[in-house]
Every structure is written in C-alpha cells, then in structure tokens.
PDB file of N, CA and C in Angstrom:
ATOM      1  N   MET A   1     -81.430  87.799 207.850  1.00  0.00           N
ATOM      2  CA  MET A   1     -80.688  86.095 208.587  1.00  0.00           C
ATOM      3  C   MET A   1     -82.407  86.145 209.087  1.00  0.00           C
ATOM      4  N   THR A   2     -83.231  85.610 209.206  1.00  0.00           N
ATOM      5  CA  THR A   2     -83.981  85.152 209.818  1.00  0.00           C
ATOM      6  C   THR A   2     -83.597  84.893 211.188  1.00  0.00           C
ATOM      7  N   GLU A   3     -84.917  83.916 212.297  1.00  0.00           N
ATOM      8  CA  GLU A   3     -84.628  83.460 213.524  1.00  0.00           C
ATOM      9  C   GLU A   3     -84.200  82.208 213.110  1.00  0.00           C
ATOM     10  N   SER A   4     -83.412  80.867 213.473  1.00  0.00           N
ATOM     11  CA  SER A   4     -83.042  79.696 213.105  1.00  0.00           C
ATOM     12  C   SER A   4     -84.184  78.638 214.681  1.00  0.00           C
ATOM     13  N   ALA A   5     -84.019  77.969 213.880  1.00  0.00           N
ATOM     14  CA  ALA A   5     -85.033  76.447 215.264  1.00  0.00           C
ATOM     15  C   ALA A   5     -84.043  77.039 216.691  1.00  0.00           C
ATOM     16  N   ASP A   6     -83.227  77.391 216.466  1.00  0.00           N
ATOM     17  CA  ASP A   6     -82.629  76.900 218.193  1.00  0.00           C
ATOM     18  C   ASP A   6     -82.448  78.612 218.217  1.00  0.00           C
ATOM     19  N   GLY A   7     -83.083  79.434 218.492  1.00  0.00           N
ATOM     20  CA  GLY A   7     -83.855  81.010 218.131  1.00  0.00           C
ATOM     21  C   GLY A   7     -82.487  81.675 218.568  1.00  0.00           C
ATOM     22  N   LEU A   8     -81.654  82.080 217.701  1.00  0.00           N
ATOM     23  CA  LEU A   8     -80.756  82.165 217.362  1.00  0.00           C
ATOM     24  C   LEU A   8     -80.997  83.712 216.100  1.00  0.00           C
ATOM     25  N   SER A   9     -80.808  84.444 216.558  1.00  0.00           N
ATOM     26  CA  SER A   9     -80.694  85.824 214.574  1.00  0.00           C
ATOM     27  C   SER A   9     -79.909  86.472 214.802  1.00  0.00           C
ATOM     28  N   LEU A  10     -79.000  86.821 213.809  1.00  0.00           N
ATOM     29  CA  LEU A  10     -78.425  87.492 213.195  1.00  0.00           C
ATOM     30  C   LEU A  10     -78.043  88.752 214.248  1.00  0.00           C
ATOM     31  N   GLU A  11     -79.650  88.942 214.455  1.00  0.00           N
ATOM     32  CA  GLU A  11     -79.490  90.679 214.927  1.00  0.00           C
ATOM     33  C   GLU A  11     -79.813  90.182 216.315  1.00  0.00           C
ATOM     34  N   MET A  12     -79.758  89.237 217.233  1.00  0.00           N
ATOM     35  CA  MET A  12     -79.101  88.971 218.655  1.00  0.00           C
ATOM     36  C   MET A  12     -78.317  88.649 218.399  1.00  0.00           C
ATOM     37  N   ILE A  13     -77.275  88.086 217.916  1.00  0.00           N
ATOM     38  CA  ILE A  13     -75.793  87.784 217.793  1.00  0.00           C
ATOM     39  C   ILE A  13     -74.992  89.508 218.734  1.00  0.00           C
ATOM     40  N   THR A  14     -75.576  90.627 216.875  1.00  0.00           N
ATOM     41  CA  THR A  14     -75.446  91.671 216.645  1.00  0.00           C
ATOM     42  C   THR A  14     -75.291  92.318 218.040  1.00  0.00           C
ATOM     43  N   ALA A  15     -76.781  92.433 218.715  1.00  0.00           N
ATOM     44  CA  ALA A  15     -77.067  93.179 220.166  1.00  0.00           C
ATOM     45  C   ALA A  15     -75.931  92.827 220.796  1.00  0.00           C
ATOM     46  N   ALA A  16     -75.764  91.528 221.616  1.00  0.00           N
ATOM     47  CA  ALA A  16     -75.064  91.067 222.432  1.00  0.00           C
ATOM     48  C   ALA A  16     -73.158  91.238 222.038  1.00  0.00           C
ATOM     49  N   LEU A  17     -72.969  91.604 221.258  1.00  0.00           N
ATOM     50  CA  LEU A  17     -71.665  91.330 220.180  1.00  0.00           C
ATOM     51  C   LEU A  17     -71.034  93.015 220.776  1.00  0.00           C
ATOM     52  N   ARG A  18     -72.549  94.102 220.127  1.00  0.00           N
ATOM     53  CA  ARG A  18     -72.933  95.692 220.166  1.00  0.00           C
ATOM     54  C   ARG A  18     -72.772  96.139 222.076  1.00  0.00           C
ATOM     55  N   ALA A  19     -73.633  95.102 222.804  1.00  0.00           N
ATOM     56  CA  ALA A  19     -73.700  95.787 224.089  1.00  0.00           C
ATOM     57  C   ALA A  19     -71.901  95.629 224.866  1.00  0.00           C
ATOM     58  N   ASP A  20     -71.435  94.484 224.148  1.00  0.00           N
ATOM     59  CA  ASP A  20     -70.084  94.536 225.206  1.00  0.00           C
ATOM     60  C   ASP A  20     -69.041  94.809 224.215  1.00  0.00           C
ATOM     61  N   SER A  21     -68.939  95.826 223.574  1.00  0.00           N
ATOM     62  CA  SER A  21     -68.207  96.249 222.154  1.00  0.00           C
ATOM     63  C   SER A  21     -67.210  96.927 223.091  1.00  0.00           C
ATOM     64  N   ALA A  22     -67.813  97.822 223.815  1.00  0.00           N
ATOM     65  CA  ALA A  22     -67.173  98.763 224.620  1.00  0.00           C
ATOM     66  C   ALA A  22     -66.025  97.820 225.364  1.00  0.00           C
ATOM     67  N   ASP A  23     -66.365  96.708 225.978  1.00  0.00           N
ATOM     68  CA  ASP A  23     -65.310  95.050 226.978  1.00  0.00           C
ATOM     69  C   ASP A  23     -64.524  95.250 225.187  1.00  0.00           C
ATOM     70  N   VAL A  24     -65.158  94.790 224.250  1.00  0.00           N
ATOM     71  CA  VAL A  24     -63.878  94.428 223.227  1.00  0.00           C
ATOM     72  C   VAL A  24     -62.319  95.195 222.853  1.00  0.00           C
ATOM     73  N   ALA A  25     -62.971  96.181 223.318  1.00  0.00           N
ATOM     74  CA  ALA A  25     -61.607  97.389 223.632  1.00  0.00           C
ATOM     75  C   ALA A  25     -60.509  96.872 224.333  1.00  0.00           C
ATOM     76  N   VAL A  26     -61.405  96.973 225.784  1.00  0.00           N
ATOM     77  CA  VAL A  26     -60.406  96.714 226.524  1.00  0.00           C
ATOM     78  C   VAL A  26     -59.526  95.548 226.371  1.00  0.00           C
ATOM     79  N   TYR A  27     -61.053  94.117 226.491  1.00  0.00           N
ATOM     80  CA  TYR A  27     -59.833  92.883 226.218  1.00  0.00           C
ATOM     81  C   TYR A  27     -58.710  93.161 225.051  1.00  0.00           C
ATOM     82  N   ALA A  28     -58.433  93.905 223.248  1.00  0.00           N
ATOM     83  CA  ALA A  28     -57.407  94.080 222.031  1.00  0.00           C
ATOM     84  C   ALA A  28     -56.861  95.306 223.496  1.00  0.00           C
ATOM     85  N   ARG A  29     -57.340  95.888 224.150  1.00  0.00           N
ATOM     86  CA  ARG A  29     -56.072  96.815 225.124  1.00  0.00           C
ATOM     87  C   ARG A  29     -55.160  95.275 226.465  1.00  0.00           C
ATOM     88  N   VAL A  30     -55.897  95.184 227.352  1.00  0.00           N
ATOM     89  CA  VAL A  30     -54.891  94.067 227.891  1.00  0.00           C
ATOM     90  C   VAL A  30     -54.669  93.200 226.845  1.00  0.00           C
ATOM     91  N   LEU A  31     -54.959  92.435 226.379  1.00  0.00           N
ATOM     92  CA  LEU A  31     -54.398  91.824 225.097  1.00  0.00           C
ATOM     93  C   LEU A  31     -53.038  91.934 224.202  1.00  0.00           C
ATOM     94  N   GLU A  32     -53.159  93.219 223.814  1.00  0.00           N
ATOM     95  CA  GLU A  32     -52.946  93.633 222.703  1.00  0.00           C
ATOM     96  C   GLU A  32     -53.672  93.068 221.296  1.00  0.00           C
ATOM     97  N   LYS A  33     -53.915  92.049 221.480  1.00  0.00           N
ATOM     98  CA  LYS A  33     -54.267  91.887 219.720  1.00  0.00           C
ATOM     99  C   LYS A  33     -54.768  91.002 219.879  1.00  0.00           C
ATOM    100  N   VAL A  34     -56.144  91.053 219.471  1.00  0.00           N
ATOM    101  CA  VAL A  34     -57.314  89.339 219.552  1.00  0.00           C
ATOM    102  C   VAL A  34     -58.004  89.136 217.958  1.00  0.00           C
ATOM    103  N   THR A  35     -57.523  88.049 217.622  1.00  0.00           N
ATOM    104  CA  THR A  35     -57.358  87.272 216.118  1.00  0.00           C
ATOM    105  C   THR A  35     -58.592  86.455 215.903  1.00  0.00           C
ATOM    106  N   VAL A  36     -59.613  86.465 215.225  1.00  0.00           N
ATOM    107  CA  VAL A  36     -60.912  85.474 215.097  1.00  0.00           C
ATOM    108  C   VAL A  36     -60.749  85.094 214.363  1.00  0.00           C
ATOM    109  N   ARG A  37     -60.434  83.405 213.681  1.00  0.00           N
ATOM    110  CA  ARG A  37     -60.636  83.168 212.172  1.00  0.00           C
ATOM    111  C   ARG A  37     -61.896  81.733 212.248  1.00  0.00           C
ATOM    112  N   LEU A  38     -62.491  82.724 210.973  1.00  0.00           N
ATOM    113  CA  LEU A  38     -63.578  81.688 210.604  1.00  0.00           C
ATOM    114  C   LEU A  38     -63.637  81.266 209.433  1.00  0.00           C
ATOM    115  N   GLY A  39     -63.086  79.990 209.411  1.00  0.00           N
ATOM    116  CA  GLY A  39     -63.450  80.025 207.616  1.00  0.00           C
ATOM    117  C   GLY A  39     -61.916  80.580 207.387  1.00  0.00           C
ATOM    118  N   ASP A  40     -62.016  81.547 205.906  1.00  0.00           N
ATOM    119  CA  ASP A  40     -61.552  81.704 204.462  1.00  0.00           C
ATOM    120  C   ASP A  40     -61.578  83.622 205.491  1.00  0.00           C
ATOM    121  N   ARG A  41     -61.548  84.173 206.282  1.00  0.00           N
ATOM    122  CA  ARG A  41     -62.097  85.038 207.144  1.00  0.00           C
ATOM    123  C   ARG A  41     -61.439  85.320 208.703  1.00  0.00           C
ATOM    124  N   VAL A  42     -60.730  85.947 208.717  1.00  0.00           N
ATOM    125  CA  VAL A  42     -59.645  86.632 209.695  1.00  0.00           C
ATOM    126  C   VAL A  42     -59.410  87.465 210.061  1.00  0.00           C
ATOM    127  N   MET A  43     -60.370  87.772 211.344  1.00  0.00           N
ATOM    128  CA  MET A  43     -61.030  88.902 211.590  1.00  0.00           C
ATOM    129  C   MET A  43     -59.756  89.746 213.256  1.00  0.00           C
ATOM    130  N   SER A  44     -59.175  90.524 212.732  1.00  0.00           N
ATOM    131  CA  SER A  44     -57.889  91.265 213.973  1.00  0.00           C
ATOM    132  C   SER A  44     -58.432  92.199 214.467  1.00  0.00           C
ATOM    133  N   LEU A  45     -58.139  92.343 215.367  1.00  0.00           N
ATOM    134  CA  LEU A  45     -58.456  94.297 216.507  1.00  0.00           C
ATOM    135  C   LEU A  45     -57.052  94.118 217.812  1.00  0.00           C
ATOM    136  N   GLN A  46     -56.589  94.864 216.964  1.00  0.00           N
ATOM    137  CA  GLN A  46     -54.634  95.332 217.989  1.00  0.00           C
ATOM    138  C   GLN A  46     -54.911  96.312 217.868  1.00  0.00           C
ATOM    139  N   VAL A  47     -54.306  96.463 219.777  1.00  0.00           N
ATOM    140  CA  VAL A  47     -54.203  98.206 220.437  1.00  0.00           C
ATOM    141  C   VAL A  47     -53.141  98.810 220.282  1.00  0.00           C
ATOM    142  N   GLN A  48     -52.634  99.233 219.787  1.00  0.00           N
ATOM    143  CA  GLN A  48     -50.479 100.597 219.934  1.00  0.00           C
ATOM    144  C   GLN A  48     -51.244 101.789 221.164  1.00  0.00           C
ATOM    145  N   PRO A  49     -50.114 101.338 222.051  1.00  0.00           N
ATOM    146  CA  PRO A  49     -50.191 102.846 223.370  1.00  0.00           C
ATOM    147  C   PRO A  49     -50.308 103.790 222.188  1.00  0.00           C
ATOM    148  N   GLY A  50     -51.660 104.771 222.874  1.00  0.00           N
ATOM    149  CA  GLY A  50     -51.811 107.005 222.556  1.00  0.00           C
ATOM    150  C   GLY A  50     -53.261 106.310 221.637  1.00  0.00           C
ATOM    151  N   ARG A  51     -53.242 104.788 221.016  1.00  0.00           N
ATOM    152  CA  ARG A  51     -54.509 104.875 219.836  1.00  0.00           C
ATOM    153  C   ARG A  51     -55.457 103.666 220.074  1.00  0.00           C
ATOM    154  N   PRO A  52     -56.278 104.288 219.571  1.00  0.00           N
ATOM    155  CA  PRO A  52     -57.648 103.155 219.079  1.00  0.00           C
ATOM    156  C   PRO A  52     -57.325 102.420 218.634  1.00  0.00           C
ATOM    157  N   PRO A  53     -58.518 101.835 219.271  1.00  0.00           N
ATOM    158  CA  PRO A  53     -58.386  99.660 218.163  1.00  0.00           C
ATOM    159  C   PRO A  53     -58.551  99.447 216.906  1.00  0.00           C
ATOM    160  N   ALA A  54     -57.043  99.483 216.110  1.00  0.00           N
ATOM    161  CA  ALA A  54     -57.078  98.898 214.813  1.00  0.00           C
ATOM    162  C   ALA A  54     -58.302  97.267 214.691  1.00  0.00           C
ATOM    163  N   ALA A  55     -59.500  97.857 213.802  1.00  0.00           N
ATOM    164  CA  ALA A  55     -59.634  97.035 213.265  1.00  0.00           C
ATOM    165  C   ALA A  55     -58.853  96.828 211.648  1.00  0.00           C
ATOM    166  N   GLU A  56     -59.416  94.990 211.985  1.00  0.00           N
ATOM    167  CA  GLU A  56     -59.248  95.187 209.672  1.00  0.00           C
ATOM    168  C   GLU A  56     -59.751  93.043 209.406  1.00  0.00           C
ATOM    169  N   ILE A  57     -60.049  93.067 209.145  1.00  0.00           N
ATOM    170  CA  ILE A  57     -60.885  92.105 208.400  1.00  0.00           C
ATOM    171  C   ILE A  57     -60.108  91.562 206.565  1.00  0.00           C
ATOM    172  N   CYS A  58     -59.416  89.855 207.179  1.00  0.00           N
ATOM    173  CA  CYS A  58     -59.359  89.283 206.087  1.00  0.00           C
ATOM    174  C   CYS A  58     -59.279  88.430 205.273  1.00  0.00           C
ATOM    175  N   ARG A  59     -58.936  88.124 204.263  1.00  0.00           N
ATOM    176  CA  ARG A  59     -59.431  86.919 203.495  1.00  0.00           C
ATOM    177  C   ARG A  59     -58.426  86.678 203.081  1.00  0.00           C
ATOM    178  N   GLU A  60     -58.219  84.945 203.314  1.00  0.00           N
ATOM    179  CA  GLU A  60     -56.659  84.444 204.173  1.00  0.00           C
ATOM    180  C   GLU A  60     -57.779  82.519 203.116  1.00  0.00           C
ATOM    181  N   VAL A  61     -56.048  82.180 202.767  1.00  0.00           N
ATOM    182  CA  VAL A  61     -56.346  81.073 201.582  1.00  0.00           C
ATOM    183  C   VAL A  61     -55.615  80.342 202.345  1.00  0.00           C
ATOM    184  N   ARG A  62     -55.035  79.143 202.431  1.00  0.00           N
ATOM    185  CA  ARG A  62     -53.647  79.205 202.598  1.00  0.00           C
ATOM    186  C   ARG A  62     -52.592  79.118 202.873  1.00  0.00           C
ATOM    187  N   GLY A  63     -52.958  80.321 203.842  1.00  0.00           N
ATOM    188  CA  GLY A  63     -51.683  80.802 204.954  1.00  0.00           C
ATOM    189  C   GLY A  63     -51.495  82.364 203.722  1.00  0.00           C
ATOM    190  N   ILE A  64     -52.085  82.519 202.807  1.00  0.00           N
ATOM    191  CA  ILE A  64     -51.968  83.786 201.741  1.00  0.00           C
ATOM    192  C   ILE A  64     -52.661  84.837 201.985  1.00  0.00           C
ATOM    193  N   VAL A  65     -53.206  85.493 201.904  1.00  0.00           N
ATOM    194  CA  VAL A  65     -54.177  86.603 202.463  1.00  0.00           C
ATOM    195  C   VAL A  65     -53.781  87.578 200.799  1.00  0.00           C
ATOM    196  N   LEU A  66     -55.651  87.060 200.394  1.00  0.00           N
ATOM    197  CA  LEU A  66     -55.850  87.907 199.505  1.00  0.00           C
ATOM    198  C   LEU A  66     -56.300  89.072 199.309  1.00  0.00           C
ATOM    199  N   SER A  67     -56.982  89.553 200.422  1.00  0.00           N
ATOM    200  CA  SER A  67     -57.355  90.601 200.307  1.00  0.00           C
ATOM    201  C   SER A  67     -57.486  91.102 201.927  1.00  0.00           C
ATOM    202  N   ARG A  68     -56.711  92.754 202.774  1.00  0.00           N
ATOM    203  CA  ARG A  68     -56.837  93.384 203.991  1.00  0.00           C
ATOM    204  C   ARG A  68     -57.820  93.910 203.882  1.00  0.00           C
ATOM    205  N   GLN A  69     -58.725  94.337 204.436  1.00  0.00           N
ATOM    206  CA  GLN A  69     -59.523  95.379 204.529  1.00  0.00           C
ATOM    207  C   GLN A  69     -60.005  96.335 206.345  1.00  0.00           C
ATOM    208  N   PRO A  70     -59.168  97.171 206.421  1.00  0.00           N
ATOM    209  CA  PRO A  70     -58.730  98.348 207.432  1.00  0.00           C
ATOM    210  C   PRO A  70     -60.151  98.532 207.433  1.00  0.00           C
ATOM    211  N   VAL A  71     -61.002  97.981 209.192  1.00  0.00           N
ATOM    212  CA  VAL A  71     -62.656  98.412 209.414  1.00  0.00           C
ATOM    213  C   VAL A  71     -62.421  99.375 210.699  1.00  0.00           C
ATOM    214  N   THR A  72     -64.702 100.305 210.746  1.00  0.00           N
ATOM    215  CA  THR A  72     -64.675 100.653 212.116  1.00  0.00           C
ATOM    216  C   THR A  72     -64.238  99.309 213.124  1.00  0.00           C
ATOM    217  N   LEU A  73     -64.555  99.718 214.276  1.00  0.00           N
ATOM    218  CA  LEU A  73     -64.538  99.376 215.607  1.00  0.00           C
ATOM    219  C   LEU A  73     -65.723  98.015 215.244  1.00  0.00           C
ATOM    220  N   GLN A  74     -66.832  99.170 215.104  1.00  0.00           N
ATOM    221  CA  GLN A  74     -68.491  98.670 214.529  1.00  0.00           C
ATOM    222  C   GLN A  74     -68.175  97.849 213.554  1.00  0.00           C
ATOM    223  N   GLU A  75     -67.727  98.236 212.610  1.00  0.00           N
ATOM    224  CA  GLU A  75     -68.322  97.127 211.564  1.00  0.00           C
ATOM    225  C   GLU A  75     -67.140  95.860 210.932  1.00  0.00           C
ATOM    226  N   TRP A  76     -66.679  95.966 212.092  1.00  0.00           N
ATOM    227  CA  TRP A  76     -65.182  94.363 213.187  1.00  0.00           C
ATOM    228  C   TRP A  76     -66.915  93.514 213.830  1.00  0.00           C
ATOM    229  N   VAL A  77     -67.068  94.418 214.907  1.00  0.00           N
ATOM    230  CA  VAL A  77     -68.009  92.964 215.173  1.00  0.00           C
ATOM    231  C   VAL A  77     -69.377  92.830 214.603  1.00  0.00           C
ATOM    232  N   ASP A  78     -69.290  94.110 213.785  1.00  0.00           N
ATOM    233  CA  ASP A  78     -71.226  92.993 213.152  1.00  0.00           C
ATOM    234  C   ASP A  78     -70.731  92.308 212.181  1.00  0.00           C
ATOM    235  N   GLU A  79     -69.512  91.922 211.280  1.00  0.00           N
ATOM    236  CA  GLU A  79     -68.809  90.798 211.033  1.00  0.00           C
ATOM    237  C   GLU A  79     -68.423  89.430 211.170  1.00  0.00           C
ATOM    238  N   LEU A  80     -67.711  90.759 212.684  1.00  0.00           N
ATOM    239  CA  LEU A  80     -68.468  89.225 213.482  1.00  0.00           C
ATOM    240  C   LEU A  80     -68.975  88.418 213.898  1.00  0.00           C
ATOM    241  N   ALA A  81     -69.809  88.937 213.900  1.00  0.00           N
ATOM    242  CA  ALA A  81     -71.762  88.580 214.320  1.00  0.00           C
ATOM    243  C   ALA A  81     -72.118  88.164 213.334  1.00  0.00           C
ATOM    244  N   ARG A  82     -72.245  88.149 212.390  1.00  0.00           N
ATOM    245  CA  ARG A  82     -72.831  87.599 210.358  1.00  0.00           C
ATOM    246  C   ARG A  82     -71.342  86.248 210.339  1.00  0.00           C
ATOM    247  N   ALA A  83     -70.246  86.317 211.160  1.00  0.00           N
ATOM    248  CA  ALA A  83     -69.509  85.018 210.628  1.00  0.00           C
ATOM    249  C   ALA A  83     -70.081  83.602 212.112  1.00  0.00           C
ATOM    250  N   LEU A  84     -69.711  84.430 213.275  1.00  0.00           N
ATOM    251  CA  LEU A  84     -70.425  83.664 214.088  1.00  0.00           C
ATOM    252  C   LEU A  84     -71.671  82.790 214.233  1.00  0.00           C
ATOM    253  N   ALA A  85     -73.073  83.733 212.985  1.00  0.00           N
ATOM    254  CA  ALA A  85     -74.375  83.383 212.986  1.00  0.00           C
ATOM    255  C   ALA A  85     -73.913  82.060 212.054  1.00  0.00           C
ATOM    256  N   ALA A  86     -73.167  82.481 210.771  1.00  0.00           N
ATOM    257  CA  ALA A  86     -72.941  81.543 209.888  1.00  0.00           C
ATOM    258  C   ALA A  86     -72.795  80.339 210.857  1.00  0.00           C
ATOM    259  N   HIS A  87     -71.239  80.094 211.852  1.00  0.00           N
ATOM    260  CA  HIS A  87     -70.618  79.188 211.834  1.00  0.00           C
ATOM    261  C   HIS A  87     -71.539  78.201 212.935  1.00  0.00           C
ATOM    262  N   ALA A  88     -73.140  79.671 212.809  1.00  0.00           N
ATOM    263  CA  ALA A  88     -73.222  78.634 214.373  1.00  0.00           C
ATOM    264  C   ALA A  88     -74.223  77.814 213.830  1.00  0.00           C
ATOM    265  N   GLN A  89     -74.901  77.496 212.798  1.00  0.00           N
ATOM    266  CA  GLN A  89     -75.476  77.707 211.596  1.00  0.00           C
ATOM    267  C   GLN A  89     -74.791  75.623 210.915  1.00  0.00           C
ATOM    268  N   GLN A  90     -73.948  76.177 211.318  1.00  0.00           N
ATOM    269  CA  GLN A  90     -72.978  74.080 210.924  1.00  0.00           C
ATOM    270  C   GLN A  90     -73.178  73.974 211.806  1.00  0.00           C
ATOM    271  N   ASN A  91     -72.917  74.173 212.852  1.00  0.00           N
ATOM    272  CA  ASN A  91     -71.998  73.941 214.026  1.00  0.00           C
ATOM    273  C   ASN A  91     -72.773  74.215 215.508  1.00  0.00           C
ATOM    274  N   ALA A  92     -73.120  72.502 216.126  1.00  0.00           N
ATOM    275  CA  ALA A  92     -74.695  73.182 217.424  1.00  0.00           C
ATOM    276  C   ALA A  92     -73.651  73.230 218.966  1.00  0.00           C
ATOM    277  N   HIS A  93     -72.255  72.861 218.567  1.00  0.00           N
ATOM    278  CA  HIS A  93     -71.689  73.175 220.152  1.00  0.00           C
ATOM    279  C   HIS A  93     -71.632  74.854 219.999  1.00  0.00           C
ATOM    280  N   ALA A  94     -71.394  75.873 218.986  1.00  0.00           N
ATOM    281  CA  ALA A  94     -70.974  77.215 218.343  1.00  0.00           C
ATOM    282  C   ALA A  94     -72.030  77.290 218.720  1.00  0.00           C
ATOM    283  N   ALA A  95     -73.450  77.615 218.180  1.00  0.00           N
ATOM    284  CA  ALA A  95     -75.371  77.351 218.346  1.00  0.00           C
ATOM    285  C   ALA A  95     -74.875  77.929 219.827  1.00  0.00           C
ATOM    286  N   GLU A  96     -74.201  76.546 221.015  1.00  0.00           N
ATOM    287  CA  GLU A  96     -74.908  76.629 222.584  1.00  0.00           C
ATOM    288  C   GLU A  96     -73.611  77.438 223.452  1.00  0.00           C
ATOM    289  N   VAL A  97     -72.417  77.677 222.482  1.00  0.00           N
ATOM    290  CA  VAL A  97     -72.008  79.181 222.591  1.00  0.00           C
ATOM    291  C   VAL A  97     -72.889  80.259 222.701  1.00  0.00           C
ATOM    292  N   LEU A  98     -72.823  80.495 221.185  1.00  0.00           N
ATOM    293  CA  LEU A  98     -73.491  82.297 221.028  1.00  0.00           C
ATOM    294  C   LEU A  98     -75.144  81.703 222.377  1.00  0.00           C
ATOM    295  N   ARG A  99     -75.997  81.242 222.511  1.00  0.00           N
ATOM    296  CA  ARG A  99     -76.922  81.082 223.247  1.00  0.00           C
ATOM    297  C   ARG A  99     -76.985  81.527 224.331  1.00  0.00           C
ATOM    298  N   LYS A 100     -75.892  81.299 225.133  1.00  0.00           N
ATOM    299  CA  LYS A 100     -75.676  81.626 226.603  1.00  0.00           C
ATOM    300  C   LYS A 100     -74.779  82.682 226.244  1.00  0.00           C
ATOM    301  N   LEU A 101     -74.209  83.043 225.535  1.00  0.00           N
ATOM    302  CA  LEU A 101     -73.743  84.870 225.159  1.00  0.00           C
ATOM    303  C   LEU A 101     -74.990  85.449 224.671  1.00  0.00           C
ATOM    304  N   VAL A 102     -75.896  86.083 224.409  1.00  0.00           N
ATOM    305  CA  VAL A 102     -77.195  85.996 224.243  1.00  0.00           C
ATOM    306  C   VAL A 102     -78.034  85.993 225.598  1.00  0.00           C
ATOM    307  N   ALA A 103     -78.098  85.475 225.922  1.00  0.00           N
ATOM    308  CA  ALA A 103     -78.464  84.829 227.807  1.00  0.00           C
ATOM    309  C   ALA A 103     -77.799  85.980 228.214  1.00  0.00           C
ATOM    310  N   GLY A 104     -76.482  86.364 228.341  1.00  0.00           N
ATOM    311  CA  GLY A 104     -75.479  86.301 228.665  1.00  0.00           C
ATOM    312  C   GLY A 104     -75.283  86.002 229.850  1.00  0.00           C
ATOM    313  N   SER A 105     -74.928  84.533 230.397  1.00  0.00           N
ATOM    314  CA  SER A 105     -74.797  83.856 230.509  1.00  0.00           C
ATOM    315  C   SER A 105     -73.379  83.705 231.132  1.00  0.00           C
TER     316      SER A 105
END
C-alpha cells in the first residue's frame, strides 16, 4: 500500500501499532479480551492468567465463523493495521482517528 492523499500509509499505521504493541498486551490483561470487528474480519486478543496473550483472526459472516486462525501477537497487530488502513480508505472519520494515532495525539 502506498501513501494515500491524506498522508497515511500501511507502514505508518503498522509502525504506530508496533510502537504500542506492549500496550496492546497490557490492555488485553486489563480488559481480559479485546475484539475488533471490521467487515468480515473479527480479530480477538485474550489473556488467561499465567499465559501470554492469545490472538486469533476469524472470518465471520452473519454471525457464523467461517474460519478461525490462531496468530502471534505481531501477526495480529499487522493484520489490525492492514484492516484499519483499508477501513480508513473508505471512511474519512477513521482516517482522522488513525492520523491522530500515528501523530501520537
């Protein structure tokens, strides 16, 4: 993905999420489970006491899970970045939120 007209690129989004990847694990521990739904993708991050975060990416249509794939935390962050970038291209508000994330605001 190249840089779009609003100045965002997949690389910038991924870098921002990677910089905060330690925070992602902390959020999962505090919240116990984080689920992000974008289109037919459902990205879940869950923590069980004494275990590292368990991440998975599912394809879901009308509430039916078509596929479920366990992934590493880094793969989860990368897929989240790709999904957010794709969503941002279609949604001006999401682009503004991502711009603030990348800028650190």
